[in-house]
Amino acid sequence: MPLALRFYENEKQQRAIFTDVVSFRDMSIITEVKRIDVQEKEGFMECEGKRKATTFRTEVSEWVNPDDDGEKRLPFGGDVENFDVEFKEVD
């Protein structure tokens, strides 16, 4: 059964319709996923005069936004800051 996603401006006026919609997501709602970073280091441990090989393991978990790629972006200025020109609308 095909599905449709409809957006309304008010109760009687439809703004848009998208057919065959499988899923959608409101990007204004922040989502987070749990990311677990694992680090392992091999080493030796001495116990009762005997040396034993062992692996040390550390897990760190944190909640991150999957849409944030981690890149730092420059702030977006206006026309004067970016181009040293002030643009004016022409009628």
PDB file of N, CA and C in Angstrom:
ATOM      1  N   MET A   1       0.835  -1.178   0.000  1.00  0.00           N
ATOM      2  CA  MET A   1       0.000   0.000   0.000  1.00  0.00           C
ATOM      3  C   MET A   1       0.883   1.246   0.000  1.00  0.00           C
ATOM      4  N   PRO A   2       0.864   2.068  -1.048  1.00  0.00           N
ATOM      5  CA  PRO A   2       1.707   3.270  -1.082  1.00  0.00           C
ATOM      6  C   PRO A   2       1.248   4.294  -0.042  1.00  0.00           C
ATOM      7  N   LEU A   3       2.204   4.988   0.524  1.00  0.00           N
ATOM      8  CA  LEU A   3       1.916   5.992   1.539  1.00  0.00           C
ATOM      9  C   LEU A   3       2.254   7.384   1.009  1.00  0.00           C
ATOM     10  N   ALA A   4       1.672   8.404   1.618  1.00  0.00           N
ATOM     11  CA  ALA A   4       1.960   9.782   1.242  1.00  0.00           C
ATOM     12  C   ALA A   4       2.145  10.609   2.510  1.00  0.00           C
ATOM     13  N   LEU A   5       3.011  11.576   2.412  1.00  0.00           N
ATOM     14  CA  LEU A   5       3.253  12.519   3.501  1.00  0.00           C
ATOM     15  C   LEU A   5       2.695  13.863   3.058  1.00  0.00           C
ATOM     16  N   ARG A   6       1.783  14.410   3.832  1.00  0.00           N
ATOM     17  CA  ARG A   6       1.122  15.662   3.466  1.00  0.00           C
ATOM     18  C   ARG A   6       1.427  16.738   4.504  1.00  0.00           C
ATOM     19  N   PHE A   7       1.686  17.945   4.022  1.00  0.00           N
ATOM     20  CA  PHE A   7       1.907  19.103   4.880  1.00  0.00           C
ATOM     21  C   PHE A   7       0.797  20.105   4.623  1.00  0.00           C
ATOM     22  N   TYR A   8       0.219  20.619   5.701  1.00  0.00           N
ATOM     23  CA  TYR A   8      -0.873  21.569   5.596  1.00  0.00           C
ATOM     24  C   TYR A   8      -0.457  22.898   6.205  1.00  0.00           C
ATOM     25  N   GLU A   9      -0.883  23.995   5.548  1.00  0.00           N
ATOM     26  CA  GLU A   9      -0.650  25.321   6.094  1.00  0.00           C
ATOM     27  C   GLU A   9      -1.673  25.615   7.182  1.00  0.00           C
ATOM     28  N   ASN A  10      -2.901  25.184   6.956  1.00  0.00           N
ATOM     29  CA  ASN A  10      -3.950  25.256   7.959  1.00  0.00           C
ATOM     30  C   ASN A  10      -4.887  24.079   7.711  1.00  0.00           C
ATOM     31  N   GLU A  11      -6.027  24.049   8.352  1.00  0.00           N
ATOM     32  CA  GLU A  11      -6.919  22.887   8.251  1.00  0.00           C
ATOM     33  C   GLU A  11      -7.418  22.618   6.837  1.00  0.00           C
ATOM     34  N   LYS A  12      -7.535  23.647   6.011  1.00  0.00           N
ATOM     35  CA  LYS A  12      -8.126  23.476   4.682  1.00  0.00           C
ATOM     36  C   LYS A  12      -7.133  23.632   3.538  1.00  0.00           C
ATOM     37  N   GLN A  13      -5.945  24.171   3.792  1.00  0.00           N
ATOM     38  CA  GLN A  13      -5.011  24.440   2.697  1.00  0.00           C
ATOM     39  C   GLN A  13      -3.792  23.520   2.787  1.00  0.00           C
ATOM     40  N   GLN A  14      -3.682  22.629   1.818  1.00  0.00           N
ATOM     41  CA  GLN A  14      -2.553  21.700   1.765  1.00  0.00           C
ATOM     42  C   GLN A  14      -1.354  22.416   1.146  1.00  0.00           C
ATOM     43  N   ARG A  15      -0.199  22.308   1.777  1.00  0.00           N
ATOM     44  CA  ARG A  15       1.007  22.975   1.295  1.00  0.00           C
ATOM     45  C   ARG A  15       1.809  22.076   0.359  1.00  0.00           C
ATOM     46  N   ALA A  16       1.948  20.780   0.680  1.00  0.00           N
ATOM     47  CA  ALA A  16       2.752  19.873  -0.143  1.00  0.00           C
ATOM     48  C   ALA A  16       2.309  18.435   0.093  1.00  0.00           C
ATOM     49  N   ILE A  17       2.597  17.583  -0.893  1.00  0.00           N
ATOM     50  CA  ILE A  17       2.341  16.149  -0.762  1.00  0.00           C
ATOM     51  C   ILE A  17       3.504  15.395  -1.394  1.00  0.00           C
ATOM     52  N   PHE A  18       3.987  14.383  -0.686  1.00  0.00           N
ATOM     53  CA  PHE A  18       5.075  13.534  -1.175  1.00  0.00           C
ATOM     54  C   PHE A  18       4.550  12.101  -1.182  1.00  0.00           C
ATOM     55  N   THR A  19       4.592  11.459  -2.350  1.00  0.00           N
ATOM     56  CA  THR A  19       4.056  10.103  -2.463  1.00  0.00           C
ATOM     57  C   THR A  19       5.161   9.073  -2.302  1.00  0.00           C
ATOM     58  N   ASP A  20       4.765   7.835  -2.037  1.00  0.00           N
ATOM     59  CA  ASP A  20       5.687   6.705  -1.837  1.00  0.00           C
ATOM     60  C   ASP A  20       6.733   6.991  -0.767  1.00  0.00           C
ATOM     61  N   VAL A  21       6.322   7.624   0.311  1.00  0.00           N
ATOM     62  CA  VAL A  21       7.236   7.947   1.416  1.00  0.00           C
ATOM     63  C   VAL A  21       7.453   6.693   2.254  1.00  0.00           C
ATOM     64  N   VAL A  22       8.714   6.351   2.455  1.00  0.00           N
ATOM     65  CA  VAL A  22       9.048   5.203   3.286  1.00  0.00           C
ATOM     66  C   VAL A  22       9.324   5.666   4.717  1.00  0.00           C
ATOM     67  N   SER A  23      10.060   6.776   4.858  1.00  0.00           N
ATOM     68  CA  SER A  23      10.327   7.324   6.184  1.00  0.00           C
ATOM     69  C   SER A  23      10.691   8.792   6.039  1.00  0.00           C
ATOM     70  N   PHE A  24      10.636   9.514   7.143  1.00  0.00           N
ATOM     71  CA  PHE A  24      11.060  10.907   7.166  1.00  0.00           C
ATOM     72  C   PHE A  24      11.531  11.245   8.568  1.00  0.00           C
ATOM     73  N   ARG A  25      12.224  12.368   8.677  1.00  0.00           N
ATOM     74  CA  ARG A  25      12.763  12.787   9.963  1.00  0.00           C
ATOM     75  C   ARG A  25      12.741  14.303  10.051  1.00  0.00           C
ATOM     76  N   ASP A  26      12.331  14.819  11.165  1.00  0.00           N
ATOM     77  CA  ASP A  26      12.327  16.255  11.424  1.00  0.00           C
ATOM     78  C   ASP A  26      13.731  16.643  11.870  1.00  0.00           C
ATOM     79  N   MET A  27      14.458  17.389  11.021  1.00  0.00           N
ATOM     80  CA  MET A  27      15.847  17.741  11.313  1.00  0.00           C
ATOM     81  C   MET A  27      15.970  18.764  12.447  1.00  0.00           C
ATOM     82  N   SER A  28      14.863  19.377  12.862  1.00  0.00           N
ATOM     83  CA  SER A  28      14.935  20.317  13.976  1.00  0.00           C
ATOM     84  C   SER A  28      15.014  19.586  15.320  1.00  0.00           C
ATOM     85  N   ILE A  29      14.703  18.294  15.324  1.00  0.00           N
ATOM     86  CA  ILE A  29      14.804  17.490  16.537  1.00  0.00           C
ATOM     87  C   ILE A  29      16.190  16.865  16.574  1.00  0.00           C
ATOM     88  N   ILE A  30      16.952  17.181  17.587  1.00  0.00           N
ATOM     89  CA  ILE A  30      18.325  16.686  17.696  1.00  0.00           C
ATOM     90  C   ILE A  30      18.307  15.217  18.109  1.00  0.00           C
ATOM     91  N   THR A  31      19.035  14.398  17.361  1.00  0.00           N
ATOM     92  CA  THR A  31      19.166  12.994  17.713  1.00  0.00           C
ATOM     93  C   THR A  31      20.602  12.732  18.144  1.00  0.00           C
ATOM     94  N   GLU A  32      20.775  11.745  18.983  1.00  0.00           N
ATOM     95  CA  GLU A  32      22.106  11.357  19.433  1.00  0.00           C
ATOM     96  C   GLU A  32      22.216   9.839  19.428  1.00  0.00           C
ATOM     97  N   VAL A  33      23.419   9.366  19.126  1.00  0.00           N
ATOM     98  CA  VAL A  33      23.701   7.937  19.177  1.00  0.00           C
ATOM     99  C   VAL A  33      24.865   7.719  20.140  1.00  0.00           C
ATOM    100  N   LYS A  34      24.896   6.548  20.730  1.00  0.00           N
ATOM    101  CA  LYS A  34      25.964   6.235  21.673  1.00  0.00           C
ATOM    102  C   LYS A  34      27.153   5.695  20.891  1.00  0.00           C
ATOM    103  N   ARG A  35      28.292   6.389  20.988  1.00  0.00           N
ATOM    104  CA  ARG A  35      29.519   5.966  20.321  1.00  0.00           C
ATOM    105  C   ARG A  35      30.472   5.434  21.382  1.00  0.00           C
ATOM    106  N   ILE A  36      31.002   4.245  21.125  1.00  0.00           N
ATOM    107  CA  ILE A  36      31.934   3.623  22.058  1.00  0.00           C
ATOM    108  C   ILE A  36      33.295   3.530  21.383  1.00  0.00           C
ATOM    109  N   ASP A  37      34.288   4.178  21.984  1.00  0.00           N
ATOM    110  CA  ASP A  37      35.663   4.103  21.497  1.00  0.00           C
ATOM    111  C   ASP A  37      36.419   3.113  22.361  1.00  0.00           C
ATOM    112  N   VAL A  38      37.084   2.162  21.705  1.00  0.00           N
ATOM    113  CA  VAL A  38      37.836   1.129  22.411  1.00  0.00           C
ATOM    114  C   VAL A  38      39.312   1.282  22.078  1.00  0.00           C
ATOM    115  N   GLN A  39      40.149   1.279  23.111  1.00  0.00           N
ATOM    116  CA  GLN A  39      41.593   1.314  22.922  1.00  0.00           C
ATOM    117  C   GLN A  39      42.191   0.106  23.637  1.00  0.00           C
ATOM    118  N   GLU A  40      43.089  -0.562  22.927  1.00  0.00           N
ATOM    119  CA  GLU A  40      43.770  -1.712  23.521  1.00  0.00           C
ATOM    120  C   GLU A  40      45.271  -1.502  23.440  1.00  0.00           C
ATOM    121  N   LYS A  41      45.970  -1.971  24.461  1.00  0.00           N
ATOM    122  CA  LYS A  41      47.419  -1.872  24.498  1.00  0.00           C
ATOM    123  C   LYS A  41      47.960  -3.164  25.096  1.00  0.00           C
ATOM    124  N   GLU A  42      48.912  -3.742  24.410  1.00  0.00           N
ATOM    125  CA  GLU A  42      49.521  -4.973  24.917  1.00  0.00           C
ATOM    126  C   GLU A  42      50.709  -4.618  25.789  1.00  0.00           C
ATOM    127  N   GLY A  43      50.884  -5.399  26.853  1.00  0.00           N
ATOM    128  CA  GLY A  43      51.995  -5.143  27.764  1.00  0.00           C
ATOM    129  C   GLY A  43      52.239  -6.362  28.637  1.00  0.00           C
ATOM    130  N   PHE A  44      53.033  -6.151  29.668  1.00  0.00           N
ATOM    131  CA  PHE A  44      53.371  -7.238  30.587  1.00  0.00           C
ATOM    132  C   PHE A  44      53.002  -6.824  31.995  1.00  0.00           C
ATOM    133  N   MET A  45      52.645  -7.835  32.781  1.00  0.00           N
ATOM    134  CA  MET A  45      52.309  -7.620  34.176  1.00  0.00           C
ATOM    135  C   MET A  45      53.144  -8.606  34.991  1.00  0.00           C
ATOM    136  N   GLU A  46      53.698  -8.129  36.080  1.00  0.00           N
ATOM    137  CA  GLU A  46      54.498  -9.008  36.922  1.00  0.00           C
ATOM    138  C   GLU A  46      53.701  -9.349  38.170  1.00  0.00           C
ATOM    139  N   CYS A  47      53.534 -10.628  38.402  1.00  0.00           N
ATOM    140  CA  CYS A  47      52.759 -11.090  39.536  1.00  0.00           C
ATOM    141  C   CYS A  47      53.492 -12.262  40.172  1.00  0.00           C
ATOM    142  N   GLU A  48      53.819 -12.135  41.445  1.00  0.00           N
ATOM    143  CA  GLU A  48      54.541 -13.166  42.199  1.00  0.00           C
ATOM    144  C   GLU A  48      55.823 -13.591  41.492  1.00  0.00           C
ATOM    145  N   GLY A  49      56.552 -12.596  40.999  1.00  0.00           N
ATOM    146  CA  GLY A  49      57.834 -12.866  40.377  1.00  0.00           C
ATOM    147  C   GLY A  49      57.741 -13.422  38.956  1.00  0.00           C
ATOM    148  N   LYS A  50      56.557 -13.607  38.422  1.00  0.00           N
ATOM    149  CA  LYS A  50      56.396 -14.117  37.058  1.00  0.00           C
ATOM    150  C   LYS A  50      55.840 -12.999  36.182  1.00  0.00           C
ATOM    151  N   ARG A  51      56.382 -12.950  34.972  1.00  0.00           N
ATOM    152  CA  ARG A  51      55.962 -11.938  34.009  1.00  0.00           C
ATOM    153  C   ARG A  51      54.953 -12.543  33.048  1.00  0.00           C
ATOM    154  N   LYS A  52      53.815 -11.923  32.931  1.00  0.00           N
ATOM    155  CA  LYS A  52      52.763 -12.450  32.073  1.00  0.00           C
ATOM    156  C   LYS A  52      52.352 -11.394  31.051  1.00  0.00           C
ATOM    157  N   ALA A  53      52.170 -11.853  29.805  1.00  0.00           N
ATOM    158  CA  ALA A  53      51.677 -10.948  28.766  1.00  0.00           C
ATOM    159  C   ALA A  53      50.199 -10.706  28.992  1.00  0.00           C
ATOM    160  N   THR A  54      49.799  -9.469  28.802  1.00  0.00           N
ATOM    161  CA  THR A  54      48.391  -9.131  29.006  1.00  0.00           C
ATOM    162  C   THR A  54      47.987  -8.023  28.046  1.00  0.00           C
ATOM    163  N   THR A  55      46.707  -7.869  27.876  1.00  0.00           N
ATOM    164  CA  THR A  55      46.171  -6.804  27.033  1.00  0.00           C
ATOM    165  C   THR A  55      45.310  -5.906  27.912  1.00  0.00           C
ATOM    166  N   PHE A  56      45.625  -4.616  27.879  1.00  0.00           N
ATOM    167  CA  PHE A  56      44.863  -3.625  28.624  1.00  0.00           C
ATOM    168  C   PHE A  56      43.828  -3.027  27.681  1.00  0.00           C
ATOM    169  N   ARG A  57      42.611  -2.915  28.145  1.00  0.00           N
ATOM    170  CA  ARG A  57      41.521  -2.439  27.290  1.00  0.00           C
ATOM    171  C   ARG A  57      40.752  -1.335  28.018  1.00  0.00           C
ATOM    172  N   THR A  58      40.480  -0.261  27.281  1.00  0.00           N
ATOM    173  CA  THR A  58      39.717   0.851  27.820  1.00  0.00           C
ATOM    174  C   THR A  58      38.564   1.162  26.876  1.00  0.00           C
ATOM    175  N   GLU A  59      37.386   1.346  27.423  1.00  0.00           N
ATOM    176  CA  GLU A  59      36.222   1.736  26.646  1.00  0.00           C
ATOM    177  C   GLU A  59      35.710   3.072  27.158  1.00  0.00           C
ATOM    178  N   VAL A  60      35.481   3.994  26.224  1.00  0.00           N
ATOM    179  CA  VAL A  60      34.912   5.299  26.557  1.00  0.00           C
ATOM    180  C   VAL A  60      33.670   5.463  25.706  1.00  0.00           C
ATOM    181  N   SER A  61      32.545   5.747  26.352  1.00  0.00           N
ATOM    182  CA  SER A  61      31.308   5.943  25.599  1.00  0.00           C
ATOM    183  C   SER A  61      30.841   7.383  25.760  1.00  0.00           C
ATOM    184  N   GLU A  62      30.257   7.899  24.693  1.00  0.00           N
ATOM    185  CA  GLU A  62      29.692   9.244  24.724  1.00  0.00           C
ATOM    186  C   GLU A  62      28.541   9.326  23.726  1.00  0.00           C
ATOM    187  N   TRP A  63      27.633  10.249  23.979  1.00  0.00           N
ATOM    188  CA  TRP A  63      26.498  10.472  23.090  1.00  0.00           C
ATOM    189  C   TRP A  63      26.880  11.573  22.114  1.00  0.00           C
ATOM    190  N   VAL A  64      26.739  11.290  20.801  1.00  0.00           N
ATOM    191  CA  VAL A  64      27.121  12.249  19.770  1.00  0.00           C
ATOM    192  C   VAL A  64      25.985  12.433  18.762  1.00  0.00           C
ATOM    193  N   ASN A  65      25.997  13.572  18.108  1.00  0.00           N
ATOM    194  CA  ASN A  65      25.037  13.865  17.056  1.00  0.00           C
ATOM    195  C   ASN A  65      25.549  13.225  15.757  1.00  0.00           C
ATOM    196  N   PRO A  66      24.812  12.269  15.156  1.00  0.00           N
ATOM    197  CA  PRO A  66      25.307  11.603  13.960  1.00  0.00           C
ATOM    198  C   PRO A  66      25.370  12.519  12.742  1.00  0.00           C
ATOM    199  N   ASP A  67      24.674  13.658  12.775  1.00  0.00           N
ATOM    200  CA  ASP A  67      24.689  14.595  11.659  1.00  0.00           C
ATOM    201  C   ASP A  67      25.865  15.557  11.732  1.00  0.00           C
ATOM    202  N   ASP A  68      26.536  15.623  12.870  1.00  0.00           N
ATOM    203  CA  ASP A  68      27.676  16.522  13.039  1.00  0.00           C
ATOM    204  C   ASP A  68      28.929  15.786  12.586  1.00  0.00           C
ATOM    205  N   ASP A  69      29.529  16.262  11.497  1.00  0.00           N
ATOM    206  CA  ASP A  69      30.713  15.583  10.971  1.00  0.00           C
ATOM    207  C   ASP A  69      32.000  16.005  11.669  1.00  0.00           C
ATOM    208  N   GLY A  70      31.903  16.918  12.635  1.00  0.00           N
ATOM    209  CA  GLY A  70      33.068  17.312  13.414  1.00  0.00           C
ATOM    210  C   GLY A  70      33.914  18.398  12.763  1.00  0.00           C
ATOM    211  N   GLU A  71      33.583  18.809  11.530  1.00  0.00           N
ATOM    212  CA  GLU A  71      34.360  19.844  10.867  1.00  0.00           C
ATOM    213  C   GLU A  71      34.021  21.200  11.456  1.00  0.00           C
ATOM    214  N   LYS A  72      35.045  22.000  11.678  1.00  0.00           N
ATOM    215  CA  LYS A  72      34.830  23.360  12.144  1.00  0.00           C
ATOM    216  C   LYS A  72      34.566  24.230  10.918  1.00  0.00           C
ATOM    217  N   ARG A  73      33.499  24.985  10.950  1.00  0.00           N
ATOM    218  CA  ARG A  73      33.146  25.834   9.824  1.00  0.00           C
ATOM    219  C   ARG A  73      33.341  27.294  10.210  1.00  0.00           C
ATOM    220  N   LEU A  74      33.758  28.090   9.238  1.00  0.00           N
ATOM    221  CA  LEU A  74      33.913  29.513   9.481  1.00  0.00           C
ATOM    222  C   LEU A  74      32.535  30.149   9.617  1.00  0.00           C
ATOM    223  N   PRO A  75      32.416  31.142  10.469  1.00  0.00           N
ATOM    224  CA  PRO A  75      31.120  31.799  10.594  1.00  0.00           C
ATOM    225  C   PRO A  75      30.769  32.505   9.284  1.00  0.00           C
ATOM    226  N   PHE A  76      29.507  32.464   8.924  1.00  0.00           N
ATOM    227  CA  PHE A  76      29.047  33.053   7.685  1.00  0.00           C
ATOM    228  C   PHE A  76      28.656  34.492   7.956  1.00  0.00           C
ATOM    229  N   GLY A  77      29.446  35.444   7.454  1.00  0.00           N
ATOM    230  CA  GLY A  77      29.155  36.850   7.662  1.00  0.00           C
ATOM    231  C   GLY A  77      28.200  37.368   6.607  1.00  0.00           C
ATOM    232  N   GLY A  78      27.969  38.666   6.638  1.00  0.00           N
ATOM    233  CA  GLY A  78      27.096  39.291   5.653  1.00  0.00           C
ATOM    234  C   GLY A  78      27.883  39.681   4.412  1.00  0.00           C
ATOM    235  N   ASP A  79      27.244  40.415   3.517  1.00  0.00           N
ATOM    236  CA  ASP A  79      27.876  40.826   2.266  1.00  0.00           C
ATOM    237  C   ASP A  79      29.085  41.723   2.515  1.00  0.00           C
ATOM    238  N   VAL A  80      28.962  42.638   3.476  1.00  0.00           N
ATOM    239  CA  VAL A  80      30.052  43.572   3.735  1.00  0.00           C
ATOM    240  C   VAL A  80      31.276  42.822   4.265  1.00  0.00           C
ATOM    241  N   GLU A  81      31.066  41.880   5.183  1.00  0.00           N
ATOM    242  CA  GLU A  81      32.188  41.132   5.756  1.00  0.00           C
ATOM    243  C   GLU A  81      32.833  40.206   4.725  1.00  0.00           C
ATOM    244  N   ASN A  82      32.030  39.564   3.877  1.00  0.00           N
ATOM    245  CA  ASN A  82      32.562  38.590   2.927  1.00  0.00           C
ATOM    246  C   ASN A  82      33.152  39.221   1.671  1.00  0.00           C
ATOM    247  N   PHE A  83      32.510  40.280   1.160  1.00  0.00           N
ATOM    248  CA  PHE A  83      32.918  40.823  -0.134  1.00  0.00           C
ATOM    249  C   PHE A  83      33.379  42.274  -0.076  1.00  0.00           C
ATOM    250  N   ASP A  84      33.328  42.883   1.090  1.00  0.00           N
ATOM    251  CA  ASP A  84      33.652  44.289   1.270  1.00  0.00           C
ATOM    252  C   ASP A  84      32.800  45.172   0.366  1.00  0.00           C
ATOM    253  N   VAL A  85      31.573  44.727   0.099  1.00  0.00           N
ATOM    254  CA  VAL A  85      30.631  45.456  -0.748  1.00  0.00           C
ATOM    255  C   VAL A  85      29.255  45.346  -0.114  1.00  0.00           C
ATOM    256  N   GLU A  86      28.497  46.409  -0.167  1.00  0.00           N
ATOM    257  CA  GLU A  86      27.132  46.342   0.321  1.00  0.00           C
ATOM    258  C   GLU A  86      26.197  46.270  -0.884  1.00  0.00           C
ATOM    259  N   PHE A  87      25.440  45.168  -0.990  1.00  0.00           N
ATOM    260  CA  PHE A  87      24.523  44.978  -2.106  1.00  0.00           C
ATOM    261  C   PHE A  87      23.196  45.614  -1.769  1.00  0.00           C
ATOM    262  N   LYS A  88      22.583  46.232  -2.796  1.00  0.00           N
ATOM    263  CA  LYS A  88      21.275  46.845  -2.615  1.00  0.00           C
ATOM    264  C   LYS A  88      20.308  46.245  -3.606  1.00  0.00           C
ATOM    265  N   GLU A  89      19.064  46.087  -3.177  1.00  0.00           N
ATOM    266  CA  GLU A  89      18.035  45.538  -4.056  1.00  0.00           C
ATOM    267  C   GLU A  89      17.661  46.579  -5.102  1.00  0.00           C
ATOM    268  N   VAL A  90      17.427  46.068  -6.321  1.00  0.00           N
ATOM    269  CA  VAL A  90      17.025  46.938  -7.426  1.00  0.00           C
ATOM    270  C   VAL A  90      15.572  46.650  -7.751  1.00  0.00           C
ATOM    271  N   ASP A  91      14.756  47.677  -7.864  1.00  0.00           N
ATOM    272  CA  ASP A  91      13.332  47.492  -8.180  1.00  0.00           C
ATOM    273  C   ASP A  91      13.127  47.238  -9.662  1.00  0.00           C
TER     274      ASP A  91
END
